[in-house]
Amino acid sequence: YSAYVLHLIDYIIATTVPAQQTFLDAAEL
């Protein structure tokens, strides 16, 4: 939640199940 507030998108992606990370769109997040 704090990472969303502070726009730390790399952290959002890194803390999602590794097998799912390729499906995440960093620009959209």
PDB file of all heavy atoms in Angstrom:
ATOM      1  N   TYR A   1       0.844  -1.197   0.000  1.00  0.00           N
ATOM      2  CA  TYR A   1       0.000   0.000   0.000  1.00  0.00           C
ATOM      3  C   TYR A   1       0.885   1.255   0.000  1.00  0.00           C
ATOM      4  O   TYR A   1       0.686   2.166  -0.807  1.00  0.00           O
ATOM      5  CB  TYR A   1      -0.948   0.005   1.212  1.00  0.00           C
ATOM      6  CG  TYR A   1      -1.706   1.314   1.324  1.00  0.00           C
ATOM      7  CD1 TYR A   1      -2.858   1.539   0.574  1.00  0.00           C
ATOM      8  CD2 TYR A   1      -1.242   2.350   2.134  1.00  0.00           C
ATOM      9  CE1 TYR A   1      -3.535   2.759   0.634  1.00  0.00           C
ATOM     10  CE2 TYR A   1      -1.902   3.569   2.203  1.00  0.00           C
ATOM     11  CZ  TYR A   1      -3.046   3.763   1.449  1.00  0.00           C
ATOM     12  OH  TYR A   1      -3.691   4.973   1.506  1.00  0.00           O
ATOM     13  N   SER A   2       1.882   1.295   0.891  1.00  0.00           N
ATOM     14  CA  SER A   2       2.800   2.448   0.953  1.00  0.00           C
ATOM     15  C   SER A   2       3.515   2.639  -0.379  1.00  0.00           C
ATOM     16  O   SER A   2       3.742   3.773  -0.808  1.00  0.00           O
ATOM     17  CB  SER A   2       3.862   2.249   2.041  1.00  0.00           C
ATOM     18  OG  SER A   2       3.275   2.296   3.309  1.00  0.00           O
ATOM     19  N   ALA A   3       3.864   1.528  -1.036  1.00  0.00           N
ATOM     20  CA  ALA A   3       4.557   1.617  -2.325  1.00  0.00           C
ATOM     21  C   ALA A   3       3.653   2.262  -3.382  1.00  0.00           C
ATOM     22  O   ALA A   3       4.125   3.032  -4.219  1.00  0.00           O
ATOM     23  CB  ALA A   3       5.016   0.235  -2.778  1.00  0.00           C
ATOM     24  N   TYR A   4       2.350   1.963  -3.336  1.00  0.00           N
ATOM     25  CA  TYR A   4       1.422   2.633  -4.260  1.00  0.00           C
ATOM     26  C   TYR A   4       1.375   4.131  -3.971  1.00  0.00           C
ATOM     27  O   TYR A   4       1.415   4.953  -4.875  1.00  0.00           O
ATOM     28  CB  TYR A   4       0.012   2.044  -4.169  1.00  0.00           C
ATOM     29  CG  TYR A   4      -0.187   0.836  -5.039  1.00  0.00           C
ATOM     30  CD1 TYR A   4      -0.446  -0.406  -4.478  1.00  0.00           C
ATOM     31  CD2 TYR A   4      -0.136   0.925  -6.427  1.00  0.00           C
ATOM     32  CE1 TYR A   4      -0.633  -1.522  -5.281  1.00  0.00           C
ATOM     33  CE2 TYR A   4      -0.319  -0.187  -7.237  1.00  0.00           C
ATOM     34  CZ  TYR A   4      -0.572  -1.410  -6.654  1.00  0.00           C
ATOM     35  OH  TYR A   4      -0.743  -2.503  -7.441  1.00  0.00           O
ATOM     36  N   VAL A   5       1.309   4.485  -2.687  1.00  0.00           N
ATOM     37  CA  VAL A   5       1.254   5.903  -2.302  1.00  0.00           C
ATOM     38  C   VAL A   5       2.504   6.642  -2.793  1.00  0.00           C
ATOM     39  O   VAL A   5       2.424   7.772  -3.277  1.00  0.00           O
ATOM     40  CB  VAL A   5       1.132   6.043  -0.761  1.00  0.00           C
ATOM     41  CG1 VAL A   5       1.219   7.515  -0.338  1.00  0.00           C
ATOM     42  CG2 VAL A   5      -0.169   5.431  -0.262  1.00  0.00           C
ATOM     43  N   LEU A   6       3.650   5.981  -2.691  1.00  0.00           N
ATOM     44  CA  LEU A   6       4.940   6.605  -3.019  1.00  0.00           C
ATOM     45  C   LEU A   6       5.402   6.306  -4.449  1.00  0.00           C
ATOM     46  O   LEU A   6       6.515   6.654  -4.826  1.00  0.00           O
ATOM     47  CB  LEU A   6       6.003   6.136  -2.015  1.00  0.00           C
ATOM     48  CG  LEU A   6       5.690   6.488  -0.543  1.00  0.00           C
ATOM     49  CD1 LEU A   6       6.629   5.749   0.393  1.00  0.00           C
ATOM     50  CD2 LEU A   6       5.773   7.990  -0.324  1.00  0.00           C
ATOM     51  N   HIS A   7       4.549   5.631  -5.228  1.00  0.00           N
ATOM     52  CA  HIS A   7       4.814   5.307  -6.636  1.00  0.00           C
ATOM     53  C   HIS A   7       6.043   4.418  -6.832  1.00  0.00           C
ATOM     54  O   HIS A   7       6.800   4.588  -7.784  1.00  0.00           O
ATOM     55  CB  HIS A   7       4.947   6.587  -7.488  1.00  0.00           C
ATOM     56  CG  HIS A   7       3.933   7.635  -7.141  1.00  0.00           C
ATOM     57  ND1 HIS A   7       2.575   7.373  -7.050  1.00  0.00           N
ATOM     58  CD2 HIS A   7       4.080   8.943  -6.836  1.00  0.00           C
ATOM     59  CE1 HIS A   7       1.943   8.486  -6.714  1.00  0.00           C
ATOM     60  NE2 HIS A   7       2.821   9.444  -6.570  1.00  0.00           N
ATOM     61  N   LEU A   8       6.238   3.465  -5.923  1.00  0.00           N
ATOM     62  CA  LEU A   8       7.378   2.536  -6.011  1.00  0.00           C
ATOM     63  C   LEU A   8       6.920   1.254  -6.719  1.00  0.00           C
ATOM     64  O   LEU A   8       6.765   0.199  -6.111  1.00  0.00           O
ATOM     65  CB  LEU A   8       7.910   2.223  -4.605  1.00  0.00           C
ATOM     66  CG  LEU A   8       8.330   3.449  -3.787  1.00  0.00           C
ATOM     67  CD1 LEU A   8       8.686   3.050  -2.365  1.00  0.00           C
ATOM     68  CD2 LEU A   8       9.487   4.172  -4.455  1.00  0.00           C
ATOM     69  N   ILE A   9       6.718   1.384  -8.017  1.00  0.00           N
ATOM     70  CA  ILE A   9       6.115   0.297  -8.791  1.00  0.00           C
ATOM     71  C   ILE A   9       7.028  -0.928  -8.879  1.00  0.00           C
ATOM     72  O   ILE A   9       6.546  -2.064  -8.893  1.00  0.00           O
ATOM     73  CB  ILE A   9       5.697   0.803 -10.192  1.00  0.00           C
ATOM     74  CG1 ILE A   9       4.678   1.948 -10.048  1.00  0.00           C
ATOM     75  CG2 ILE A   9       5.144  -0.328 -11.051  1.00  0.00           C
ATOM     76  CD1 ILE A   9       3.469   1.669  -9.148  1.00  0.00           C
ATOM     77  N   ASP A  10       8.346  -0.728  -8.890  1.00  0.00           N
ATOM     78  CA  ASP A  10       9.260  -1.873  -8.904  1.00  0.00           C
ATOM     79  C   ASP A  10       9.009  -2.785  -7.708  1.00  0.00           C
ATOM     80  O   ASP A  10       9.108  -4.011  -7.815  1.00  0.00           O
ATOM     81  CB  ASP A  10      10.732  -1.413  -8.860  1.00  0.00           C
ATOM     82  CG  ASP A  10      11.164  -0.773 -10.172  1.00  0.00           C
ATOM     83  OD1 ASP A  10      10.396  -0.840 -11.152  1.00  0.00           O
ATOM     84  OD2 ASP A  10      12.271  -0.205 -10.213  1.00  0.00           O
ATOM     85  N   TYR A  11       8.693  -2.163  -6.566  1.00  0.00           N
ATOM     86  CA  TYR A  11       8.432  -2.949  -5.349  1.00  0.00           C
ATOM     87  C   TYR A  11       7.131  -3.736  -5.492  1.00  0.00           C
ATOM     88  O   TYR A  11       7.057  -4.897  -5.072  1.00  0.00           O
ATOM     89  CB  TYR A  11       8.372  -2.019  -4.129  1.00  0.00           C
ATOM     90  CG  TYR A  11       8.199  -2.758  -2.825  1.00  0.00           C
ATOM     91  CD1 TYR A  11       9.300  -3.329  -2.191  1.00  0.00           C
ATOM     92  CD2 TYR A  11       6.950  -2.894  -2.229  1.00  0.00           C
ATOM     93  CE1 TYR A  11       9.161  -4.015  -0.987  1.00  0.00           C
ATOM     94  CE2 TYR A  11       6.799  -3.572  -1.030  1.00  0.00           C
ATOM     95  CZ  TYR A  11       7.905  -4.133  -0.413  1.00  0.00           C
ATOM     96  OH  TYR A  11       7.750  -4.822   0.770  1.00  0.00           O
ATOM     97  N   ILE A  12       6.115  -3.123  -6.085  1.00  0.00           N
ATOM     98  CA  ILE A  12       4.830  -3.807  -6.313  1.00  0.00           C
ATOM     99  C   ILE A  12       5.066  -5.050  -7.159  1.00  0.00           C
ATOM    100  O   ILE A  12       4.569  -6.141  -6.845  1.00  0.00           O
ATOM    101  CB  ILE A  12       3.820  -2.863  -7.016  1.00  0.00           C
ATOM    102  CG1 ILE A  12       3.504  -1.638  -6.151  1.00  0.00           C
ATOM    103  CG2 ILE A  12       2.555  -3.618  -7.416  1.00  0.00           C
ATOM    104  CD1 ILE A  12       2.804  -1.926  -4.842  1.00  0.00           C
ATOM    105  N   ILE A  13       5.834  -4.898  -8.222  1.00  0.00           N
ATOM    106  CA  ILE A  13       6.092  -6.029  -9.114  1.00  0.00           C
ATOM    107  C   ILE A  13       6.945  -7.098  -8.415  1.00  0.00           C
ATOM    108  O   ILE A  13       6.617  -8.286  -8.454  1.00  0.00           O
ATOM    109  CB  ILE A  13       6.747  -5.538 -10.427  1.00  0.00           C
ATOM    110  CG1 ILE A  13       5.720  -4.686 -11.198  1.00  0.00           C
ATOM    111  CG2 ILE A  13       7.244  -6.712 -11.272  1.00  0.00           C
ATOM    112  CD1 ILE A  13       6.258  -3.953 -12.402  1.00  0.00           C
ATOM    113  N   ALA A  14       7.994  -6.669  -7.724  1.00  0.00           N
ATOM    114  CA  ALA A  14       8.914  -7.609  -7.070  1.00  0.00           C
ATOM    115  C   ALA A  14       8.254  -8.429  -5.966  1.00  0.00           C
ATOM    116  O   ALA A  14       8.715  -9.523  -5.644  1.00  0.00           O
ATOM    117  CB  ALA A  14      10.121  -6.859  -6.506  1.00  0.00           C
ATOM    118  N   THR A  15       7.163  -7.899  -5.386  1.00  0.00           N
ATOM    119  CA  THR A  15       6.504  -8.597  -4.273  1.00  0.00           C
ATOM    120  C   THR A  15       5.253  -9.360  -4.720  1.00  0.00           C
ATOM    121  O   THR A  15       4.493  -9.844  -3.890  1.00  0.00           O
ATOM    122  CB  THR A  15       6.148  -7.610  -3.140  1.00  0.00           C
ATOM    123  OG1 THR A  15       5.370  -6.539  -3.686  1.00  0.00           O
ATOM    124  CG2 THR A  15       7.404  -7.045  -2.488  1.00  0.00           C
ATOM    125  N   THR A  16       5.067  -9.469  -6.026  1.00  0.00           N
ATOM    126  CA  THR A  16       4.012 -10.319  -6.595  1.00  0.00           C
ATOM    127  C   THR A  16       4.655 -11.670  -6.906  1.00  0.00           C
ATOM    128  O   THR A  16       5.852 -11.725  -7.231  1.00  0.00           O
ATOM    129  CB  THR A  16       3.447  -9.677  -7.879  1.00  0.00           C
ATOM    130  OG1 THR A  16       2.934  -8.381  -7.546  1.00  0.00           O
ATOM    131  CG2 THR A  16       2.331 -10.510  -8.488  1.00  0.00           C
ATOM    132  N   VAL A  17       3.899 -12.757  -6.794  1.00  0.00           N
ATOM    133  CA  VAL A  17       4.417 -14.099  -7.090  1.00  0.00           C
ATOM    134  C   VAL A  17       5.262 -14.046  -8.378  1.00  0.00           C
ATOM    135  O   VAL A  17       4.776 -13.566  -9.408  1.00  0.00           O
ATOM    136  CB  VAL A  17       3.252 -15.110  -7.242  1.00  0.00           C
ATOM    137  CG1 VAL A  17       3.747 -16.444  -7.801  1.00  0.00           C
ATOM    138  CG2 VAL A  17       2.559 -15.335  -5.908  1.00  0.00           C
ATOM    139  N   PRO A  18       6.515 -14.499  -8.313  1.00  0.00           N
ATOM    140  CA  PRO A  18       7.416 -14.379  -9.465  1.00  0.00           C
ATOM    141  C   PRO A  18       6.820 -14.880 -10.789  1.00  0.00           C
ATOM    142  O   PRO A  18       7.020 -14.241 -11.825  1.00  0.00           O
ATOM    143  CB  PRO A  18       8.645 -15.196  -9.045  1.00  0.00           C
ATOM    144  CG  PRO A  18       8.680 -15.026  -7.550  1.00  0.00           C
ATOM    145  CD  PRO A  18       7.228 -15.022  -7.134  1.00  0.00           C
ATOM    146  N   ALA A  19       6.086 -15.976 -10.752  1.00  0.00           N
ATOM    147  CA  ALA A  19       5.492 -16.518 -11.984  1.00  0.00           C
ATOM    148  C   ALA A  19       4.462 -15.567 -12.597  1.00  0.00           C
ATOM    149  O   ALA A  19       4.115 -15.700 -13.770  1.00  0.00           O
ATOM    150  CB  ALA A  19       4.851 -17.881 -11.709  1.00  0.00           C
ATOM    151  N   GLN A  20       3.965 -14.608 -11.807  1.00  0.00           N
ATOM    152  CA  GLN A  20       2.940 -13.670 -12.298  1.00  0.00           C
ATOM    153  C   GLN A  20       3.541 -12.342 -12.769  1.00  0.00           C
ATOM    154  O   GLN A  20       2.858 -11.551 -13.403  1.00  0.00           O
ATOM    155  CB  GLN A  20       1.930 -13.374 -11.189  1.00  0.00           C
ATOM    156  CG  GLN A  20       1.142 -14.592 -10.742  1.00  0.00           C
ATOM    157  CD  GLN A  20       0.067 -14.204  -9.744  1.00  0.00           C
ATOM    158  OE1 GLN A  20       0.310 -13.473  -8.782  1.00  0.00           O
ATOM    159  NE2 GLN A  20      -1.132 -14.684  -9.972  1.00  0.00           N
ATOM    160  N   GLN A  21       4.790 -12.087 -12.462  1.00  0.00           N
ATOM    161  CA  GLN A  21       5.361 -10.750 -12.683  1.00  0.00           C
ATOM    162  C   GLN A  21       5.356 -10.323 -14.147  1.00  0.00           C
ATOM    163  O   GLN A  21       5.167  -9.148 -14.439  1.00  0.00           O
ATOM    164  CB  GLN A  21       6.772 -10.669 -12.096  1.00  0.00           C
ATOM    165  CG  GLN A  21       6.759 -10.728 -10.571  1.00  0.00           C
ATOM    166  CD  GLN A  21       8.144 -10.715  -9.956  1.00  0.00           C
ATOM    167  OE1 GLN A  21       9.143 -10.499 -10.643  1.00  0.00           O
ATOM    168  NE2 GLN A  21       8.216 -10.956  -8.665  1.00  0.00           N
ATOM    169  N   THR A  22       5.532 -11.276 -15.069  1.00  0.00           N
ATOM    170  CA  THR A  22       5.568 -10.916 -16.492  1.00  0.00           C
ATOM    171  C   THR A  22       4.221 -10.372 -16.979  1.00  0.00           C
ATOM    172  O   THR A  22       4.168  -9.703 -17.992  1.00  0.00           O
ATOM    173  CB  THR A  22       5.936 -12.126 -17.375  1.00  0.00           C
ATOM    174  OG1 THR A  22       5.042 -13.193 -17.065  1.00  0.00           O
ATOM    175  CG2 THR A  22       7.368 -12.561 -17.142  1.00  0.00           C
ATOM    176  N   PHE A  23       3.144 -10.681 -16.254  1.00  0.00           N
ATOM    177  CA  PHE A  23       1.807 -10.216 -16.662  1.00  0.00           C
ATOM    178  C   PHE A  23       1.515  -8.793 -16.207  1.00  0.00           C
ATOM    179  O   PHE A  23       0.511  -8.205 -16.596  1.00  0.00           O
ATOM    180  CB  PHE A  23       0.715 -11.137 -16.102  1.00  0.00           C
ATOM    181  CG  PHE A  23       0.776 -12.540 -16.619  1.00  0.00           C
ATOM    182  CD1 PHE A  23       1.077 -13.590 -15.760  1.00  0.00           C
ATOM    183  CD2 PHE A  23       0.538 -12.819 -17.961  1.00  0.00           C
ATOM    184  CE1 PHE A  23       1.127 -14.892 -16.226  1.00  0.00           C
ATOM    185  CE2 PHE A  23       0.584 -14.112 -18.440  1.00  0.00           C
ATOM    186  CZ  PHE A  23       0.882 -15.162 -17.571  1.00  0.00           C
ATOM    187  N   LEU A  24       2.366  -8.241 -15.345  1.00  0.00           N
ATOM    188  CA  LEU A  24       2.098  -6.915 -14.786  1.00  0.00           C
ATOM    189  C   LEU A  24       2.620  -5.828 -15.717  1.00  0.00           C
ATOM    190  O   LEU A  24       3.702  -5.946 -16.273  1.00  0.00           O
ATOM    191  CB  LEU A  24       2.746  -6.785 -13.400  1.00  0.00           C
ATOM    192  CG  LEU A  24       2.271  -7.817 -12.369  1.00  0.00           C
ATOM    193  CD1 LEU A  24       3.047  -7.675 -11.076  1.00  0.00           C
ATOM    194  CD2 LEU A  24       0.784  -7.695 -12.108  1.00  0.00           C
ATOM    195  N   ASP A  25       1.838  -4.777 -15.866  1.00  0.00           N
ATOM    196  CA  ASP A  25       2.190  -3.655 -16.735  1.00  0.00           C
ATOM    197  C   ASP A  25       2.647  -2.486 -15.861  1.00  0.00           C
ATOM    198  O   ASP A  25       1.830  -1.793 -15.249  1.00  0.00           O
ATOM    199  CB  ASP A  25       0.961  -3.273 -17.577  1.00  0.00           C
ATOM    200  CG  ASP A  25       1.231  -2.145 -18.558  1.00  0.00           C
ATOM    201  OD1 ASP A  25       2.149  -1.332 -18.322  1.00  0.00           O
ATOM    202  OD2 ASP A  25       0.497  -2.073 -19.553  1.00  0.00           O
ATOM    203  N   ALA A  26       3.965  -2.288 -15.795  1.00  0.00           N
ATOM    204  CA  ALA A  26       4.530  -1.264 -14.904  1.00  0.00           C
ATOM    205  C   ALA A  26       3.995   0.130 -15.221  1.00  0.00           C
ATOM    206  O   ALA A  26       3.688   0.903 -14.313  1.00  0.00           O
ATOM    207  CB  ALA A  26       6.058  -1.278 -14.989  1.00  0.00           C
ATOM    208  N   ALA A  27       3.855   0.448 -16.507  1.00  0.00           N
ATOM    209  CA  ALA A  27       3.376   1.785 -16.891  1.00  0.00           C
ATOM    210  C   ALA A  27       1.936   2.000 -16.426  1.00  0.00           C
ATOM    211  O   ALA A  27       1.575   3.068 -15.926  1.00  0.00           O
ATOM    212  CB  ALA A  27       3.484   1.965 -18.403  1.00  0.00           C
ATOM    213  N   GLU A  28       1.125   0.968 -16.575  1.00  0.00           N
ATOM    214  CA  GLU A  28      -0.278   1.041 -16.146  1.00  0.00           C
ATOM    215  C   GLU A  28      -0.364   1.191 -14.624  1.00  0.00           C
ATOM    216  O   GLU A  28      -1.147   1.994 -14.103  1.00  0.00           O
ATOM    217  CB  GLU A  28      -0.963  -0.258 -16.587  1.00  0.00           C
ATOM    218  CG  GLU A  28      -2.462  -0.207 -16.661  1.00  0.00           C
ATOM    219  CD  GLU A  28      -2.991  -1.535 -17.209  1.00  0.00           C
ATOM    220  OE1 GLU A  28      -2.975  -1.730 -18.442  1.00  0.00           O
ATOM    221  OE2 GLU A  28      -3.403  -2.383 -16.383  1.00  0.00           O
ATOM    222  N   LEU A  29       0.456   0.425 -13.895  1.00  0.00           N
ATOM    223  CA  LEU A  29       0.471   0.518 -12.431  1.00  0.00           C
ATOM    224  C   LEU A  29       0.929   1.912 -11.990  1.00  0.00           C
ATOM    225  O   LEU A  29       0.373   2.481 -11.061  1.00  0.00           O
ATOM    226  CB  LEU A  29       1.398  -0.551 -11.848  1.00  0.00           C
ATOM    227  CG  LEU A  29       0.896  -1.997 -11.944  1.00  0.00           C
ATOM    228  CD1 LEU A  29       2.001  -2.974 -11.588  1.00  0.00           C
ATOM    229  CD2 LEU A  29      -0.319  -2.211 -11.057  1.00  0.00           C
TER     230      LEU A  29
END
